[in-house]
Each structure stands twice: as C-alpha cells, then as structure tokens.
C-alpha cells in the first residue's frame, strides 16, 4: 500500500536478518541497502577487484545474501522486477549485468552518470 515501515514497530533488523512483524499476504517489500564493496574481501556478493578496478558480483549460491536480505529457499521464490546499474561514466564506462538490457542512458538529474 506504499506505507513506509518503522523499525522496531513494523520490522526488526538483526545481523543477516529482517523480520516483518505483521506480514500481509501478497505484500511487496522494497528495500534500500548501503554497500561498501571496496571493503568486501570475501569475493562474494558485490566487491571491487583491485587488480582491474572493476566492481564485480558473485551471487551463487549465497553471495546475494551479502547484497540484500533474501531468504533463498525453494518454498519462498522471489521475483525481481527491476535492477538498475548506475556509475560515474568516466570512471566506469562499462557496466555488465546478468539478463537482457532493457534500457540505457544517462541519469536525468546527473548526466555524469
């Protein structure tokens, strides 16, 4: 319903865990995560390869959990409707992702991206 949830009231956060206190059937949950790939030395999830200066992902089989909350169980299949890659054009002219490219261009508010 577009309602923003309140931590401690509607959900709880713990390391590696997101608990919705009153889940609703058919609900769509949208999350925003902050990552520091330069500090990820496990080569899993999103990390920066120092040799090539490229950002990389390794999501099989558990790496995606290092990027966002994801139960990753056969009885709980998630659908991802969109993924957006965005970076400084001068520093990172090539962006690669799994899947089919649907669009490309600059960010309307920031043509350096």
N, C-alpha and C. Protein backbone atom coordinates (compact mmCIF):
# COMPACT_ATOMS: atom_id res chain seq x y z
N UNK A 1 0.81 -1.20 0.00
CA UNK A 1 0.00 0.00 0.00
C UNK A 1 0.86 1.27 0.00
N UNK A 2 2.16 1.11 -0.20
CA UNK A 2 3.05 2.26 -0.24
C UNK A 2 3.41 2.82 1.11
N UNK A 3 3.03 2.15 2.17
CA UNK A 3 3.30 2.62 3.53
C UNK A 3 4.75 2.35 3.90
N UNK A 4 5.43 3.35 4.45
CA UNK A 4 6.80 3.15 4.92
C UNK A 4 6.76 2.49 6.30
N UNK A 5 7.51 1.42 6.45
CA UNK A 5 7.53 0.68 7.71
C UNK A 5 8.50 1.32 8.69
N UNK A 6 8.19 1.17 9.99
CA UNK A 6 9.00 1.76 11.05
C UNK A 6 9.77 0.67 11.78
N UNK A 7 11.10 0.88 11.87
CA UNK A 7 11.93 -0.09 12.58
C UNK A 7 11.52 -0.17 14.05
N UNK A 8 11.44 -1.38 14.56
CA UNK A 8 11.04 -1.60 15.95
C UNK A 8 9.54 -1.70 16.13
N UNK A 9 8.78 -1.16 15.19
CA UNK A 9 7.32 -1.23 15.26
C UNK A 9 6.80 -2.24 14.23
N UNK A 10 7.17 -2.04 12.98
CA UNK A 10 6.70 -2.90 11.89
C UNK A 10 7.70 -3.98 11.50
N UNK A 11 8.98 -3.76 11.81
CA UNK A 11 10.01 -4.75 11.47
C UNK A 11 11.17 -4.65 12.45
N UNK A 12 11.97 -5.72 12.48
CA UNK A 12 13.18 -5.75 13.29
C UNK A 12 14.36 -6.10 12.40
N UNK A 13 15.49 -5.47 12.67
CA UNK A 13 16.73 -5.76 11.96
C UNK A 13 17.71 -6.40 12.93
N UNK A 14 18.40 -7.42 12.47
CA UNK A 14 19.48 -8.05 13.20
C UNK A 14 20.50 -8.47 12.16
N UNK A 15 21.74 -8.73 12.54
CA UNK A 15 22.73 -9.13 11.54
C UNK A 15 22.23 -10.31 10.70
N UNK A 16 22.13 -10.09 9.39
CA UNK A 16 21.68 -11.13 8.47
C UNK A 16 20.21 -11.48 8.56
N UNK A 17 19.41 -10.62 9.18
CA UNK A 17 18.00 -10.96 9.39
C UNK A 17 17.11 -9.73 9.31
N UNK A 18 16.01 -9.86 8.58
CA UNK A 18 14.97 -8.85 8.51
C UNK A 18 13.67 -9.55 8.87
N UNK A 19 13.01 -9.12 9.93
CA UNK A 19 11.78 -9.75 10.40
C UNK A 19 10.63 -8.76 10.27
N UNK A 20 9.65 -9.10 9.43
CA UNK A 20 8.43 -8.30 9.32
C UNK A 20 7.49 -8.76 10.41
N UNK A 21 7.04 -7.84 11.26
CA UNK A 21 6.22 -8.21 12.42
C UNK A 21 4.80 -8.59 12.04
N UNK A 22 4.23 -7.94 11.03
CA UNK A 22 2.87 -8.27 10.61
C UNK A 22 2.82 -8.41 9.10
N UNK A 23 3.37 -9.51 8.58
CA UNK A 23 3.37 -9.67 7.12
C UNK A 23 1.95 -9.81 6.58
N UNK A 24 1.75 -9.31 5.37
CA UNK A 24 0.46 -9.36 4.71
C UNK A 24 0.61 -10.21 3.46
N UNK A 25 -0.31 -11.14 3.23
CA UNK A 25 -0.26 -11.97 2.03
C UNK A 25 -0.24 -11.09 0.79
N UNK A 26 0.66 -11.40 -0.13
CA UNK A 26 0.75 -10.66 -1.38
C UNK A 26 1.46 -9.33 -1.27
N UNK A 27 2.04 -9.04 -0.12
CA UNK A 27 2.73 -7.76 0.06
C UNK A 27 3.97 -7.68 -0.82
N UNK A 28 4.30 -6.48 -1.24
CA UNK A 28 5.53 -6.21 -1.97
C UNK A 28 6.45 -5.44 -1.03
N UNK A 29 7.63 -5.97 -0.81
CA UNK A 29 8.59 -5.33 0.09
C UNK A 29 9.71 -4.74 -0.75
N UNK A 30 9.95 -3.46 -0.59
CA UNK A 30 11.03 -2.78 -1.30
C UNK A 30 12.06 -2.35 -0.28
N UNK A 31 13.32 -2.70 -0.52
CA UNK A 31 14.38 -2.35 0.41
C UNK A 31 15.43 -1.49 -0.29
N UNK A 32 16.15 -0.72 0.50
CA UNK A 32 17.30 0.04 0.03
C UNK A 32 18.45 -0.37 0.93
N UNK A 33 19.57 -0.74 0.32
CA UNK A 33 20.73 -1.18 1.10
C UNK A 33 21.93 -0.32 0.77
N UNK A 34 22.80 -0.14 1.74
CA UNK A 34 24.07 0.56 1.56
C UNK A 34 25.18 -0.47 1.60
N UNK A 35 26.04 -0.46 0.59
CA UNK A 35 27.13 -1.42 0.49
C UNK A 35 28.45 -0.69 0.39
N UNK A 36 29.51 -1.34 0.85
CA UNK A 36 30.87 -0.82 0.69
C UNK A 36 31.69 -1.93 0.04
N UNK A 37 31.57 -2.08 -1.29
CA UNK A 37 32.24 -3.19 -1.97
C UNK A 37 33.76 -3.14 -1.86
N UNK A 38 34.32 -1.96 -1.65
CA UNK A 38 35.77 -1.84 -1.50
C UNK A 38 36.28 -2.55 -0.25
N UNK A 39 35.41 -2.74 0.74
CA UNK A 39 35.81 -3.41 1.98
C UNK A 39 35.44 -4.88 2.00
N UNK A 40 34.79 -5.37 0.96
CA UNK A 40 34.39 -6.77 0.88
C UNK A 40 35.56 -7.58 0.31
N UNK A 41 36.20 -8.36 1.15
CA UNK A 41 37.36 -9.15 0.72
C UNK A 41 37.02 -10.63 0.54
N UNK A 42 35.75 -10.99 0.62
CA UNK A 42 35.35 -12.39 0.51
C UNK A 42 35.07 -12.84 -0.92
N UNK A 43 35.12 -11.91 -1.89
CA UNK A 43 34.84 -12.22 -3.30
C UNK A 43 33.48 -12.89 -3.45
N UNK A 44 32.52 -12.42 -2.68
CA UNK A 44 31.16 -12.92 -2.70
C UNK A 44 30.23 -11.72 -2.51
N UNK A 45 29.11 -11.71 -3.22
CA UNK A 45 28.24 -10.54 -3.18
C UNK A 45 28.79 -9.50 -4.13
N UNK A 46 28.75 -8.23 -3.75
CA UNK A 46 29.30 -7.14 -4.56
C UNK A 46 30.66 -6.76 -3.97
N UNK A 47 31.70 -6.79 -4.80
CA UNK A 47 33.04 -6.45 -4.33
C UNK A 47 33.79 -5.71 -5.43
N UNK A 48 34.88 -5.06 -5.05
CA UNK A 48 35.72 -4.37 -6.04
C UNK A 48 37.01 -5.16 -6.21
N UNK A 49 37.28 -5.52 -7.46
CA UNK A 49 38.52 -6.20 -7.80
C UNK A 49 39.61 -5.15 -7.95
N UNK A 50 40.57 -5.17 -7.06
CA UNK A 50 41.61 -4.14 -7.07
C UNK A 50 42.50 -4.23 -8.31
N UNK A 51 42.77 -5.42 -8.81
CA UNK A 51 43.66 -5.58 -9.97
C UNK A 51 43.09 -4.91 -11.21
N UNK A 52 41.79 -5.07 -11.44
CA UNK A 52 41.18 -4.49 -12.64
C UNK A 52 40.42 -3.20 -12.35
N UNK A 53 40.26 -2.86 -11.08
CA UNK A 53 39.49 -1.69 -10.64
C UNK A 53 38.03 -1.79 -11.05
N UNK A 54 37.55 -3.03 -11.25
CA UNK A 54 36.15 -3.25 -11.63
C UNK A 54 35.34 -3.70 -10.42
N UNK A 55 34.08 -3.30 -10.41
CA UNK A 55 33.14 -3.83 -9.43
C UNK A 55 32.56 -5.11 -10.00
N UNK A 56 32.47 -6.13 -9.17
CA UNK A 56 32.02 -7.45 -9.61
C UNK A 56 30.99 -8.00 -8.64
N UNK A 57 30.21 -8.95 -9.12
CA UNK A 57 29.29 -9.67 -8.23
C UNK A 57 29.52 -11.16 -8.38
N UNK A 58 29.37 -11.86 -7.29
CA UNK A 58 29.36 -13.32 -7.26
C UNK A 58 28.20 -13.68 -6.33
N UNK A 59 27.11 -14.11 -6.92
CA UNK A 59 25.89 -14.31 -6.14
C UNK A 59 25.52 -15.77 -5.93
N UNK A 60 26.18 -16.70 -6.56
CA UNK A 60 25.86 -18.11 -6.36
C UNK A 60 26.72 -18.68 -5.27
N UNK A 61 26.27 -19.49 -4.40
CA UNK A 61 24.88 -19.74 -4.12
C UNK A 61 24.40 -18.83 -2.99
N UNK A 62 25.30 -18.29 -2.18
CA UNK A 62 24.88 -17.48 -1.04
C UNK A 62 25.28 -16.01 -1.16
N UNK A 63 26.00 -15.65 -2.21
CA UNK A 63 26.52 -14.29 -2.33
C UNK A 63 25.47 -13.21 -2.36
N UNK A 64 24.29 -13.52 -2.90
CA UNK A 64 23.24 -12.50 -2.96
C UNK A 64 22.82 -12.04 -1.57
N UNK A 65 22.94 -12.92 -0.59
CA UNK A 65 22.62 -12.54 0.80
C UNK A 65 23.56 -11.49 1.34
N UNK A 66 24.73 -11.34 0.72
CA UNK A 66 25.67 -10.30 1.14
C UNK A 66 25.28 -8.94 0.56
N UNK A 67 24.34 -8.92 -0.39
CA UNK A 67 23.90 -7.69 -1.03
C UNK A 67 22.61 -7.17 -0.40
N UNK A 68 21.66 -8.07 -0.16
CA UNK A 68 20.37 -7.65 0.40
C UNK A 68 19.76 -8.81 1.18
N UNK A 69 18.72 -8.55 1.94
CA UNK A 69 18.01 -9.60 2.66
C UNK A 69 17.30 -10.48 1.65
N UNK A 70 17.54 -11.78 1.76
CA UNK A 70 16.96 -12.71 0.80
C UNK A 70 16.92 -14.10 1.42
N UNK A 71 15.72 -14.67 1.59
CA UNK A 71 15.62 -15.97 2.26
C UNK A 71 16.19 -17.13 1.44
N UNK A 72 16.13 -17.06 0.11
CA UNK A 72 16.76 -18.05 -0.76
C UNK A 72 16.38 -19.48 -0.40
N UNK A 73 15.08 -19.75 -0.43
CA UNK A 73 14.58 -21.10 -0.14
C UNK A 73 13.65 -21.52 -1.26
N UNK A 74 13.57 -22.83 -1.55
CA UNK A 74 12.67 -23.30 -2.61
C UNK A 74 11.20 -22.98 -2.35
N UNK A 75 10.80 -22.86 -1.07
CA UNK A 75 9.41 -22.58 -0.75
C UNK A 75 9.11 -21.07 -0.72
N UNK A 76 10.10 -20.26 -1.00
CA UNK A 76 9.92 -18.81 -0.94
C UNK A 76 10.64 -18.18 -2.13
N UNK A 77 10.03 -18.27 -3.29
CA UNK A 77 10.66 -17.80 -4.52
C UNK A 77 10.35 -16.31 -4.72
N UNK A 78 11.40 -15.53 -4.86
CA UNK A 78 11.24 -14.09 -5.06
C UNK A 78 11.29 -13.75 -6.55
N UNK A 79 10.61 -12.69 -6.92
CA UNK A 79 10.65 -12.17 -8.28
C UNK A 79 11.25 -10.77 -8.23
N UNK A 80 12.23 -10.53 -9.06
CA UNK A 80 12.85 -9.21 -9.12
C UNK A 80 12.34 -8.53 -10.37
N UNK A 81 11.66 -7.41 -10.19
CA UNK A 81 11.05 -6.72 -11.33
C UNK A 81 12.00 -5.77 -12.01
N UNK A 82 13.01 -5.28 -11.31
CA UNK A 82 13.96 -4.37 -11.96
C UNK A 82 15.26 -4.32 -11.17
N UNK A 83 16.33 -4.16 -11.90
CA UNK A 83 17.65 -3.93 -11.32
C UNK A 83 18.26 -2.79 -12.11
N UNK A 84 18.84 -1.85 -11.43
CA UNK A 84 19.42 -0.69 -12.11
C UNK A 84 20.88 -0.59 -11.72
N UNK A 85 21.75 -0.50 -12.71
CA UNK A 85 23.17 -0.25 -12.50
C UNK A 85 23.44 1.20 -12.87
N UNK A 86 24.17 1.88 -12.00
CA UNK A 86 24.44 3.30 -12.22
C UNK A 86 25.83 3.60 -11.70
N UNK A 87 26.64 4.33 -12.49
CA UNK A 87 28.01 4.66 -12.06
C UNK A 87 28.49 5.90 -12.81
N UNK A 88 29.57 6.47 -12.33
CA UNK A 88 30.21 7.58 -13.00
C UNK A 88 30.73 7.12 -14.36
N UNK A 89 30.31 7.80 -15.44
CA UNK A 89 30.65 7.37 -16.81
C UNK A 89 32.14 7.40 -17.09
N UNK A 90 32.85 8.37 -16.54
CA UNK A 90 34.29 8.48 -16.80
C UNK A 90 35.07 7.38 -16.10
N UNK A 91 34.74 7.10 -14.86
CA UNK A 91 35.48 6.10 -14.09
C UNK A 91 35.07 4.68 -14.43
N UNK A 92 33.80 4.47 -14.77
CA UNK A 92 33.28 3.12 -15.03
C UNK A 92 32.44 3.13 -16.31
N UNK A 93 33.10 3.19 -17.47
CA UNK A 93 32.36 3.30 -18.73
C UNK A 93 31.62 2.03 -19.13
N UNK A 94 31.98 0.89 -18.56
CA UNK A 94 31.34 -0.37 -18.91
C UNK A 94 30.65 -0.94 -17.68
N UNK A 95 29.36 -1.21 -17.81
CA UNK A 95 28.58 -1.84 -16.75
C UNK A 95 28.01 -3.14 -17.31
N UNK A 96 28.23 -4.23 -16.60
CA UNK A 96 27.73 -5.53 -17.04
C UNK A 96 26.78 -6.08 -16.00
N UNK A 97 25.77 -6.79 -16.48
CA UNK A 97 24.80 -7.39 -15.58
C UNK A 97 24.24 -8.65 -16.22
N UNK A 98 23.73 -9.55 -15.41
CA UNK A 98 23.01 -10.71 -15.94
C UNK A 98 21.68 -10.25 -16.50
N UNK A 99 21.20 -10.92 -17.50
CA UNK A 99 19.88 -10.60 -18.03
C UNK A 99 19.97 -9.77 -19.30
N UNK A 100 18.83 -9.43 -19.81
CA UNK A 100 18.73 -8.66 -21.05
C UNK A 100 18.64 -7.17 -20.76
N UNK A 101 19.41 -6.37 -21.50
CA UNK A 101 19.36 -4.93 -21.33
C UNK A 101 18.01 -4.43 -21.84
N UNK A 102 17.33 -3.69 -21.01
CA UNK A 102 16.04 -3.11 -21.39
C UNK A 102 16.16 -1.65 -21.75
N UNK A 103 17.19 -0.99 -21.21
CA UNK A 103 17.33 0.44 -21.43
C UNK A 103 18.78 0.84 -21.14
N UNK A 104 19.17 1.98 -21.65
CA UNK A 104 20.47 2.55 -21.32
C UNK A 104 20.37 4.04 -21.50
N UNK A 105 21.26 4.78 -20.86
CA UNK A 105 21.25 6.22 -20.99
C UNK A 105 21.85 6.88 -19.78
N UNK A 106 21.66 8.17 -19.70
CA UNK A 106 22.17 8.92 -18.55
C UNK A 106 21.06 9.12 -17.53
N UNK A 107 21.48 9.42 -16.32
CA UNK A 107 20.53 9.71 -15.24
C UNK A 107 20.00 11.12 -15.48
N UNK A 108 18.69 11.30 -15.58
CA UNK A 108 18.14 12.63 -15.90
C UNK A 108 18.66 13.76 -15.00
N UNK A 109 18.84 13.48 -13.73
CA UNK A 109 19.27 14.54 -12.79
C UNK A 109 20.78 14.73 -12.78
N UNK A 110 21.55 13.80 -13.44
CA UNK A 110 23.00 13.83 -13.35
C UNK A 110 23.60 13.21 -14.59
N UNK A 111 23.94 14.01 -15.59
CA UNK A 111 24.43 13.45 -16.85
C UNK A 111 25.85 12.91 -16.78
N UNK A 112 26.50 13.00 -15.60
CA UNK A 112 27.80 12.35 -15.43
C UNK A 112 27.64 10.87 -15.13
N UNK A 113 26.39 10.43 -14.96
CA UNK A 113 26.11 9.02 -14.63
C UNK A 113 25.31 8.39 -15.75
